[in-house]
Amino acid sequence: MKSFFDGATEWNDYVQEGDSHVLSEDAKVINDNYPTAKTVAYKAPDGGANEKYPGYHSNFLFYGEECRLGVIECCYKDTRLTDTLIDNAEMCALDMTPAKRSNHIKSKSWTVYEATADDKTYCTGFAYERNSFEEKVMFNTLYHVAFKEMLMTKGYVKNIPGAPMCGCIEQMPIITNAACTKVVEGYIIDETTGKITLNLNWEDCGEGLYEYYSKLESKTSTEDNFVREKIVGDDKCYEAVTAFMNEKMYIRMEE
């Protein structure tokens, strides 16, 4: 699971060749478990590994807490399907240190991406407020976004180099935009027994991930500014990279 969210495993690496590597068969467990993802609140997808190896499932931890800013994001660079990856974002730069357990670079490191018109990047994610219903089912939403929608429906795979494929926004690259999904709270009541069961659904936010985040009432201006520094907006890569380099005591030399 950890390797998948980093952008590896056969689900990311293989492409169907005849009857080999058919995703609907190799990843059949995803569709089989989707009804459960709609009815049972999920815990962190670490399989219990964090209890034995604290911090092992690092993608959704930041300094020991689950995604402090309340944003989980996934960015993709390729597709398993014949259709072209939709290009909704430009990748700008990345401080690779917070994602060192995904890129396996122990020393402090960073990179600036020289994106061209041929580079395709698709980013999406979701946001939630602390102690909210959305936070309680955050990993159900992750299941819906990363497994059901992105992998099984669209066939999107592969991470931006140096970053996790999916993780807390604190570990993700500086990008221009990201799509947004939100959970729709719902319940089913058994009229015979009176038992109440979750009935989750998801829908598009109707706006970009940053725009949605900026309207969450509990978020502070500091949190909002940090997320804005990660999702900078259309045609803002140049300014974002300049600011990123300035923070590291570098000055951009104009040609």
C-alpha atoms as a PDB file:
ATOM      1  CA  MET A   1       0.000   0.000   0.000  1.00  0.00           C
ATOM      2  CA  LYS A   2       2.822   2.385   0.903  1.00  0.00           C
ATOM      3  CA  SER A   3       4.568   1.692  -2.414  1.00  0.00           C
ATOM      4  CA  PHE A   4       1.356   2.223  -4.362  1.00  0.00           C
ATOM      5  CA  PHE A   5       0.788   5.670  -2.852  1.00  0.00           C
ATOM      6  CA  ASP A   6       4.420   6.484  -3.688  1.00  0.00           C
ATOM      7  CA  GLY A   7       3.691   5.671  -7.334  1.00  0.00           C
ATOM      8  CA  ALA A   8       5.035   2.111  -7.621  1.00  0.00           C
ATOM      9  CA  THR A   9       3.692  -1.502  -7.657  1.00  0.00           C
ATOM     10  CA  GLU A  10       2.278  -3.308 -10.665  1.00  0.00           C
ATOM     11  CA  TRP A  11      -0.877  -1.181 -10.543  1.00  0.00           C
ATOM     12  CA  ASN A  12       1.265   1.823 -11.475  1.00  0.00           C
ATOM     13  CA  ASP A  13       3.964   0.141 -13.509  1.00  0.00           C
ATOM     14  CA  TYR A  14       2.184  -2.273 -15.836  1.00  0.00           C
ATOM     15  CA  VAL A  15       0.104  -1.645 -18.943  1.00  0.00           C
ATOM     16  CA  GLN A  16      -2.349  -4.180 -20.312  1.00  0.00           C
ATOM     17  CA  GLU A  17      -0.890  -6.427 -22.993  1.00  0.00           C
ATOM     18  CA  GLY A  18      -3.546  -8.729 -24.375  1.00  0.00           C
ATOM     19  CA  ASP A  19      -4.807 -10.782 -21.442  1.00  0.00           C
ATOM     20  CA  SER A  20      -1.895  -9.785 -19.208  1.00  0.00           C
ATOM     21  CA  HIS A  21      -2.043  -7.037 -16.588  1.00  0.00           C
ATOM     22  CA  VAL A  22      -5.767  -6.416 -16.960  1.00  0.00           C
ATOM     23  CA  LEU A  23      -6.429  -3.852 -14.237  1.00  0.00           C
ATOM     24  CA  SER A  24     -10.034  -4.893 -13.641  1.00  0.00           C
ATOM     25  CA  GLU A  25      -8.702  -8.359 -12.772  1.00  0.00           C
ATOM     26  CA  ASP A  26      -5.379  -7.498 -11.097  1.00  0.00           C
ATOM     27  CA  ALA A  27      -7.051  -4.858  -8.927  1.00  0.00           C
ATOM     28  CA  LYS A  28     -10.434  -6.552  -8.618  1.00  0.00           C
ATOM     29  CA  VAL A  29     -10.250  -6.098  -4.858  1.00  0.00           C
ATOM     30  CA  ILE A  30     -10.796  -2.348  -5.289  1.00  0.00           C
ATOM     31  CA  ASN A  31     -14.220  -2.696  -6.891  1.00  0.00           C
ATOM     32  CA  ASP A  32     -15.106  -5.547  -4.546  1.00  0.00           C
ATOM     33  CA  ASN A  33     -14.394  -3.390  -1.484  1.00  0.00           C
ATOM     34  CA  TYR A  34     -15.942  -0.176  -2.786  1.00  0.00           C
ATOM     35  CA  PRO A  35     -19.357  -0.848  -1.158  1.00  0.00           C
ATOM     36  CA  THR A  36     -17.519  -1.171   2.184  1.00  0.00           C
ATOM     37  CA  ALA A  37     -15.736   2.131   1.574  1.00  0.00           C
ATOM     38  CA  LYS A  38     -19.166   3.751   1.363  1.00  0.00           C
ATOM     39  CA  THR A  39     -20.547   2.209   4.545  1.00  0.00           C
ATOM     40  CA  VAL A  40     -17.697   1.723   7.069  1.00  0.00           C
ATOM     41  CA  ALA A  41     -15.382   4.491   8.317  1.00  0.00           C
ATOM     42  CA  TYR A  42     -11.824   3.569   7.369  1.00  0.00           C
ATOM     43  CA  LYS A  43      -8.678   3.991   9.428  1.00  0.00           C
ATOM     44  CA  ALA A  44      -5.297   4.967   7.957  1.00  0.00           C
ATOM     45  CA  PRO A  45      -4.333   2.497   5.193  1.00  0.00           C
ATOM     46  CA  ASP A  46      -1.195   1.240   6.927  1.00  0.00           C
ATOM     47  CA  GLY A  47      -2.259  -2.328   7.688  1.00  0.00           C
ATOM     48  CA  GLY A  48      -1.135  -1.801  11.273  1.00  0.00           C
ATOM     49  CA  ALA A  49       2.447  -1.108  10.197  1.00  0.00           C
ATOM     50  CA  ASN A  50       2.659   2.190  12.074  1.00  0.00           C
ATOM     51  CA  GLU A  51       2.255   0.373  15.391  1.00  0.00           C
ATOM     52  CA  LYS A  52       5.398  -1.651  14.776  1.00  0.00           C
ATOM     53  CA  TYR A  53       7.277   0.904  12.661  1.00  0.00           C
ATOM     54  CA  PRO A  54       6.153   4.384  13.769  1.00  0.00           C
ATOM     55  CA  GLY A  55       5.839   6.725  10.818  1.00  0.00           C
ATOM     56  CA  TYR A  56       6.155   3.919   8.269  1.00  0.00           C
ATOM     57  CA  HIS A  57       3.093   5.002   6.315  1.00  0.00           C
ATOM     58  CA  SER A  58       4.520   8.494   6.004  1.00  0.00           C
ATOM     59  CA  ASN A  59       2.390   9.735   3.101  1.00  0.00           C
ATOM     60  CA  PHE A  60      -0.417  10.776   5.426  1.00  0.00           C
ATOM     61  CA  LEU A  61       1.682  11.850   8.396  1.00  0.00           C
ATOM     62  CA  PHE A  62       3.452  15.161   8.905  1.00  0.00           C
ATOM     63  CA  TYR A  63       5.576  15.457  12.049  1.00  0.00           C
ATOM     64  CA  GLY A  64       3.568  12.701  13.666  1.00  0.00           C
ATOM     65  CA  GLU A  65       0.119  14.088  12.851  1.00  0.00           C
ATOM     66  CA  GLU A  66      -2.248  13.131  10.063  1.00  0.00           C
ATOM     67  CA  CYS A  67      -2.013  15.909   7.480  1.00  0.00           C
ATOM     68  CA  ARG A  68      -1.999  18.981   9.732  1.00  0.00           C
ATOM     69  CA  LEU A  69      -3.392  21.349   7.108  1.00  0.00           C
ATOM     70  CA  GLY A  70      -6.314  19.082   6.335  1.00  0.00           C
ATOM     71  CA  VAL A  71      -5.509  18.542   2.659  1.00  0.00           C
ATOM     72  CA  ILE A  72      -4.674  15.291   0.873  1.00  0.00           C
ATOM     73  CA  GLU A  73      -3.571  15.511  -2.730  1.00  0.00           C
ATOM     74  CA  CYS A  74      -2.738  13.113  -5.567  1.00  0.00           C
ATOM     75  CA  CYS A  75      -0.750  14.070  -8.688  1.00  0.00           C
ATOM     76  CA  TYR A  76      -0.293  11.880 -11.747  1.00  0.00           C
ATOM     77  CA  LYS A  77       2.086  11.811 -14.691  1.00  0.00           C
ATOM     78  CA  ASP A  78       0.835   8.894 -16.821  1.00  0.00           C
ATOM     79  CA  THR A  79      -2.153   6.704 -17.644  1.00  0.00           C
ATOM     80  CA  ARG A  80      -2.645   2.967 -18.137  1.00  0.00           C
ATOM     81  CA  LEU A  81      -5.340   3.638 -20.707  1.00  0.00           C
ATOM     82  CA  THR A  82      -5.036   4.708 -24.331  1.00  0.00           C
ATOM     83  CA  ASP A  83      -6.601   8.073 -23.586  1.00  0.00           C
ATOM     84  CA  THR A  84      -4.238  10.970 -22.950  1.00  0.00           C
ATOM     85  CA  LEU A  85      -3.812  12.150 -19.379  1.00  0.00           C
ATOM     86  CA  ILE A  86      -5.837  15.311 -18.823  1.00  0.00           C
ATOM     87  CA  ASP A  87      -3.483  18.199 -18.124  1.00  0.00           C
ATOM     88  CA  ASN A  88      -4.960  20.351 -15.351  1.00  0.00           C
ATOM     89  CA  ALA A  89      -1.805  21.483 -13.549  1.00  0.00           C
ATOM     90  CA  GLU A  90       1.758  22.620 -14.085  1.00  0.00           C
ATOM     91  CA  MET A  91       4.408  21.332 -11.693  1.00  0.00           C
ATOM     92  CA  CYS A  92       6.668  24.107 -10.436  1.00  0.00           C
ATOM     93  CA  ALA A  93       9.063  23.013  -7.682  1.00  0.00           C
ATOM     94  CA  LEU A  94       9.417  20.625  -4.753  1.00  0.00           C
ATOM     95  CA  ASP A  95      11.175  20.556  -1.405  1.00  0.00           C
ATOM     96  CA  MET A  96      11.867  16.815  -1.321  1.00  0.00           C
ATOM     97  CA  THR A  97      12.845  16.645   2.355  1.00  0.00           C
ATOM     98  CA  PRO A  98       9.300  16.269   3.807  1.00  0.00           C
ATOM     99  CA  ALA A  99       8.773  13.356   1.371  1.00  0.00           C
ATOM    100  CA  LYS A 100      12.077  11.612   2.081  1.00  0.00           C
ATOM    101  CA  ARG A 101      10.308   8.371   3.009  1.00  0.00           C
ATOM    102  CA  SER A 102       8.827   8.321  -0.487  1.00  0.00           C
ATOM    103  CA  ASN A 103      11.830   9.460  -2.547  1.00  0.00           C
ATOM    104  CA  HIS A 104      14.397   7.792  -0.226  1.00  0.00           C
ATOM    105  CA  ILE A 105      16.778  10.755  -0.373  1.00  0.00           C
ATOM    106  CA  LYS A 106      18.075  11.156   3.178  1.00  0.00           C
ATOM    107  CA  SER A 107      19.862  14.494   2.805  1.00  0.00           C
ATOM    108  CA  LYS A 108      18.020  17.783   2.342  1.00  0.00           C
ATOM    109  CA  SER A 109      17.144  18.207  -1.313  1.00  0.00           C
ATOM    110  CA  TRP A 110      14.893  20.174  -3.625  1.00  0.00           C
ATOM    111  CA  THR A 111      14.166  20.521  -7.293  1.00  0.00           C
ATOM    112  CA  VAL A 112      12.723  22.965  -9.808  1.00  0.00           C
ATOM    113  CA  TYR A 113      10.762  21.441 -12.685  1.00  0.00           C
ATOM    114  CA  GLU A 114      11.413  22.713 -16.199  1.00  0.00           C
ATOM    115  CA  ALA A 115       7.934  21.856 -17.442  1.00  0.00           C
ATOM    116  CA  THR A 116       7.225  22.135 -21.166  1.00  0.00           C
ATOM    117  CA  ALA A 117       4.020  22.125 -23.201  1.00  0.00           C
ATOM    118  CA  ASP A 118       4.460  18.366 -23.700  1.00  0.00           C
ATOM    119  CA  ASP A 119       4.466  17.637 -19.955  1.00  0.00           C
ATOM    120  CA  LYS A 120       1.118  16.388 -18.703  1.00  0.00           C
ATOM    121  CA  THR A 121       0.195  16.557 -15.038  1.00  0.00           C
ATOM    122  CA  TYR A 122      -3.135  15.909 -13.366  1.00  0.00           C
ATOM    123  CA  CYS A 123      -3.655  16.807  -9.707  1.00  0.00           C
ATOM    124  CA  THR A 124      -6.679  16.338  -7.501  1.00  0.00           C
ATOM    125  CA  GLY A 125      -7.485  16.153  -3.825  1.00  0.00           C
ATOM    126  CA  PHE A 126      -9.811  16.954  -0.956  1.00  0.00           C
ATOM    127  CA  ALA A 127      -9.860  19.100   2.159  1.00  0.00           C
ATOM    128  CA  TYR A 128     -11.520  18.882   5.555  1.00  0.00           C
ATOM    129  CA  GLU A 129     -11.777  20.734   8.841  1.00  0.00           C
ATOM    130  CA  ARG A 130     -10.427  19.355  12.104  1.00  0.00           C
ATOM    131  CA  ASN A 131     -12.885  17.216  14.108  1.00  0.00           C
ATOM    132  CA  SER A 132     -15.393  17.314  11.261  1.00  0.00           C
ATOM    133  CA  PHE A 133     -17.350  14.474   9.686  1.00  0.00           C
ATOM    134  CA  GLU A 134     -15.177  14.910   6.604  1.00  0.00           C
ATOM    135  CA  GLU A 135     -12.079  14.228   8.722  1.00  0.00           C
ATOM    136  CA  LYS A 136     -13.628  11.106  10.258  1.00  0.00           C
ATOM    137  CA  VAL A 137     -14.101   9.599   6.782  1.00  0.00           C
ATOM    138  CA  MET A 138     -10.973  11.095   5.184  1.00  0.00           C
ATOM    139  CA  PHE A 139      -9.556   7.698   4.281  1.00  0.00           C
ATOM    140  CA  ASN A 140     -12.849   6.647   2.713  1.00  0.00           C
ATOM    141  CA  THR A 141     -12.558   9.726   0.522  1.00  0.00           C
ATOM    142  CA  LEU A 142      -8.965   8.757  -0.243  1.00  0.00           C
ATOM    143  CA  TYR A 143     -10.189   5.308  -1.298  1.00  0.00           C
ATOM    144  CA  HIS A 144     -12.772   6.870  -3.592  1.00  0.00           C
ATOM    145  CA  VAL A 145     -10.358   9.373  -5.142  1.00  0.00           C
ATOM    146  CA  ALA A 146      -7.138   7.353  -5.433  1.00  0.00           C
ATOM    147  CA  PHE A 147      -8.470   3.859  -6.057  1.00  0.00           C
ATOM    148  CA  LYS A 148     -11.954   4.090  -7.533  1.00  0.00           C
ATOM    149  CA  GLU A 149     -11.839   7.298  -9.581  1.00  0.00           C
ATOM    150  CA  MET A 150      -8.208   7.880 -10.497  1.00  0.00           C
ATOM    151  CA  LEU A 151      -6.932   4.306 -10.883  1.00  0.00           C
ATOM    152  CA  MET A 152      -9.920   2.160 -11.836  1.00  0.00           C
ATOM    153  CA  THR A 153     -12.027   4.692 -13.761  1.00  0.00           C
ATOM    154  CA  LYS A 154      -9.392   6.933 -15.368  1.00  0.00           C
ATOM    155  CA  GLY A 155      -6.332   4.690 -15.217  1.00  0.00           C
ATOM    156  CA  TYR A 156      -4.138   7.512 -13.891  1.00  0.00           C
ATOM    157  CA  VAL A 157      -0.786   6.387 -12.480  1.00  0.00           C
ATOM    158  CA  LYS A 158       2.773   7.467 -11.611  1.00  0.00           C
ATOM    159  CA  ASN A 159       3.975  10.208  -9.313  1.00  0.00           C
ATOM    160  CA  ILE A 160       5.647  13.524  -9.998  1.00  0.00           C
ATOM    161  CA  PRO A 161       9.387  12.760  -9.618  1.00  0.00           C
ATOM    162  CA  GLY A 162      10.560  13.194  -6.037  1.00  0.00           C
ATOM    163  CA  ALA A 163       7.060  13.363  -4.560  1.00  0.00           C
ATOM    164  CA  PRO A 164       4.531  10.793  -3.390  1.00  0.00           C
ATOM    165  CA  MET A 165       1.744  10.043  -5.830  1.00  0.00           C
ATOM    166  CA  CYS A 166      -0.674  10.737  -2.971  1.00  0.00           C
ATOM    167  CA  GLY A 167       0.076  12.377   0.346  1.00  0.00           C
ATOM    168  CA  CYS A 168      -0.429  15.303   2.690  1.00  0.00           C
ATOM    169  CA  ILE A 169      -0.122  18.551   0.760  1.00  0.00           C
ATOM    170  CA  GLU A 170       2.890  19.386   2.941  1.00  0.00           C
ATOM    171  CA  GLN A 171       4.843  16.679   1.067  1.00  0.00           C
ATOM    172  CA  MET A 172       3.545  17.469  -2.403  1.00  0.00           C
ATOM    173  CA  PRO A 173       5.032  19.726  -5.109  1.00  0.00           C
ATOM    174  CA  ILE A 174       4.180  23.336  -5.762  1.00  0.00           C
ATOM    175  CA  ILE A 175       1.617  23.205  -8.570  1.00  0.00           C
ATOM    176  CA  THR A 176      -0.723  25.621 -10.318  1.00  0.00           C
ATOM    177  CA  ASN A 177      -4.082  23.870  -9.830  1.00  0.00           C
ATOM    178  CA  ALA A 178      -5.829  20.775  -8.480  1.00  0.00           C
ATOM    179  CA  ALA A 179      -9.324  19.370  -8.912  1.00  0.00           C
ATOM    180  CA  CYS A 180     -11.418  18.901  -5.783  1.00  0.00           C
ATOM    181  CA  THR A 181     -13.738  16.192  -4.431  1.00  0.00           C
ATOM    182  CA  LYS A 182     -15.979  16.395  -1.368  1.00  0.00           C
ATOM    183  CA  VAL A 183     -17.849  13.726   0.535  1.00  0.00           C
ATOM    184  CA  VAL A 184     -21.641  13.770   0.808  1.00  0.00           C
ATOM    185  CA  GLU A 185     -22.770  12.545   4.220  1.00  0.00           C
ATOM    186  CA  GLY A 186     -25.608  10.038   4.143  1.00  0.00           C
ATOM    187  CA  TYR A 187     -27.181   7.188   6.095  1.00  0.00           C
ATOM    188  CA  ILE A 188     -29.405   4.182   5.545  1.00  0.00           C
ATOM    189  CA  ILE A 189     -31.904   3.171   8.254  1.00  0.00           C
ATOM    190  CA  ASP A 190     -33.071  -0.420   8.391  1.00  0.00           C
ATOM    191  CA  GLU A 191     -36.824  -0.062   8.976  1.00  0.00           C
ATOM    192  CA  THR A 192     -36.977  -3.486  10.607  1.00  0.00           C
ATOM    193  CA  THR A 193     -34.061  -3.327  13.036  1.00  0.00           C
ATOM    194  CA  GLY A 194     -33.528   0.423  13.248  1.00  0.00           C
ATOM    195  CA  LYS A 195     -29.850  -0.069  12.483  1.00  0.00           C
ATOM    196  CA  ILE A 196     -28.198   3.003  10.954  1.00  0.00           C
ATOM    197  CA  THR A 197     -25.464   2.512   8.365  1.00  0.00           C
ATOM    198  CA  LEU A 198     -23.250   5.033   6.632  1.00  0.00           C
ATOM    199  CA  ASN A 199     -24.088   5.718   3.002  1.00  0.00           C
ATOM    200  CA  LEU A 200     -21.300   7.890   1.646  1.00  0.00           C
ATOM    201  CA  ASN A 201     -21.195   9.462  -1.780  1.00  0.00           C
ATOM    202  CA  TRP A 202     -18.805  11.922  -3.369  1.00  0.00           C
ATOM    203  CA  GLU A 203     -19.107  14.823  -5.760  1.00  0.00           C
ATOM    204  CA  ASP A 204     -17.004  17.482  -7.407  1.00  0.00           C
ATOM    205  CA  CYS A 205     -16.510  20.581  -5.258  1.00  0.00           C
ATOM    206  CA  GLY A 206     -17.550  22.835  -8.124  1.00  0.00           C
ATOM    207  CA  GLU A 207     -14.258  24.728  -7.797  1.00  0.00           C
ATOM    208  CA  GLY A 208     -10.544  24.098  -7.451  1.00  0.00           C
ATOM    209  CA  LEU A 209      -8.981  22.553  -4.344  1.00  0.00           C
ATOM    210  CA  TYR A 210      -7.462  25.816  -3.084  1.00  0.00           C
ATOM    211  CA  GLU A 211     -10.658  27.765  -3.732  1.00  0.00           C
ATOM    212  CA  TYR A 212     -12.625  25.191  -1.724  1.00  0.00           C
ATOM    213  CA  TYR A 213     -10.058  25.199   1.095  1.00  0.00           C
ATOM    214  CA  SER A 214     -10.051  28.980   1.323  1.00  0.00           C
ATOM    215  CA  LYS A 215     -13.765  28.949   2.219  1.00  0.00           C
ATOM    216  CA  LEU A 216     -13.459  26.525   5.154  1.00  0.00           C
ATOM    217  CA  GLU A 217     -14.322  28.667   8.165  1.00  0.00           C
ATOM    218  CA  SER A 218     -11.959  27.083  10.687  1.00  0.00           C
ATOM    219  CA  LYS A 219      -8.798  27.588   8.635  1.00  0.00           C
ATOM    220  CA  THR A 220      -6.479  30.377   9.747  1.00  0.00           C
ATOM    221  CA  SER A 221      -4.863  32.895   7.432  1.00  0.00           C
ATOM    222  CA  THR A 222      -1.521  31.162   8.046  1.00  0.00           C
ATOM    223  CA  GLU A 223      -2.930  27.817   6.939  1.00  0.00           C
ATOM    224  CA  ASP A 224      -4.588  29.433   3.937  1.00  0.00           C
ATOM    225  CA  ASN A 225      -1.330  31.125   2.925  1.00  0.00           C
ATOM    226  CA  PHE A 226       0.581  27.867   3.177  1.00  0.00           C
ATOM    227  CA  VAL A 227      -1.887  26.047   0.935  1.00  0.00           C
ATOM    228  CA  ARG A 228      -1.800  28.978  -1.499  1.00  0.00           C
ATOM    229  CA  GLU A 229       1.972  28.622  -1.661  1.00  0.00           C
ATOM    230  CA  LYS A 230       1.425  24.988  -2.705  1.00  0.00           C
ATOM    231  CA  ILE A 231      -1.396  25.584  -5.222  1.00  0.00           C
ATOM    232  CA  VAL A 232      -0.406  28.906  -6.745  1.00  0.00           C
ATOM    233  CA  GLY A 233      -2.886  29.400  -9.604  1.00  0.00           C
ATOM    234  CA  ASP A 234      -2.691  29.610 -13.392  1.00  0.00           C
ATOM    235  CA  ASP A 235       0.464  31.120 -14.890  1.00  0.00           C
ATOM    236  CA  LYS A 236       2.016  31.570 -11.425  1.00  0.00           C
ATOM    237  CA  CYS A 237       4.805  29.000 -11.688  1.00  0.00           C
ATOM    238  CA  TYR A 238       7.501  31.542 -12.524  1.00  0.00           C
ATOM    239  CA  GLU A 239       6.727  33.704  -9.494  1.00  0.00           C
ATOM    240  CA  ALA A 240       6.347  30.628  -7.268  1.00  0.00           C
ATOM    241  CA  VAL A 241       9.720  29.214  -8.313  1.00  0.00           C
ATOM    242  CA  THR A 242      11.370  32.592  -7.762  1.00  0.00           C
ATOM    243  CA  ALA A 243       9.950  32.779  -4.229  1.00  0.00           C
ATOM    244  CA  PHE A 244      10.903  29.145  -3.608  1.00  0.00           C
ATOM    245  CA  MET A 245      14.517  29.835  -4.632  1.00  0.00           C
ATOM    246  CA  ASN A 246      14.645  33.070  -2.638  1.00  0.00           C
ATOM    247  CA  GLU A 247      13.704  31.147   0.520  1.00  0.00           C
ATOM    248  CA  LYS A 248      16.786  29.007  -0.088  1.00  0.00           C
ATOM    249  CA  MET A 249      18.972  32.102  -0.539  1.00  0.00           C
ATOM    250  CA  TYR A 250      19.152  31.818  -4.323  1.00  0.00           C
ATOM    251  CA  ILE A 251      18.439  34.679  -6.726  1.00  0.00           C
ATOM    252  CA  ARG A 252      17.074  34.039 -10.203  1.00  0.00           C
ATOM    253  CA  MET A 253      19.323  35.553 -12.897  1.00  0.00           C
ATOM    254  CA  GLU A 254      17.306  36.924 -15.785  1.00  0.00           C
ATOM    255  CA  GLU A 255      18.439  35.899 -19.268  1.00  0.00           C
END
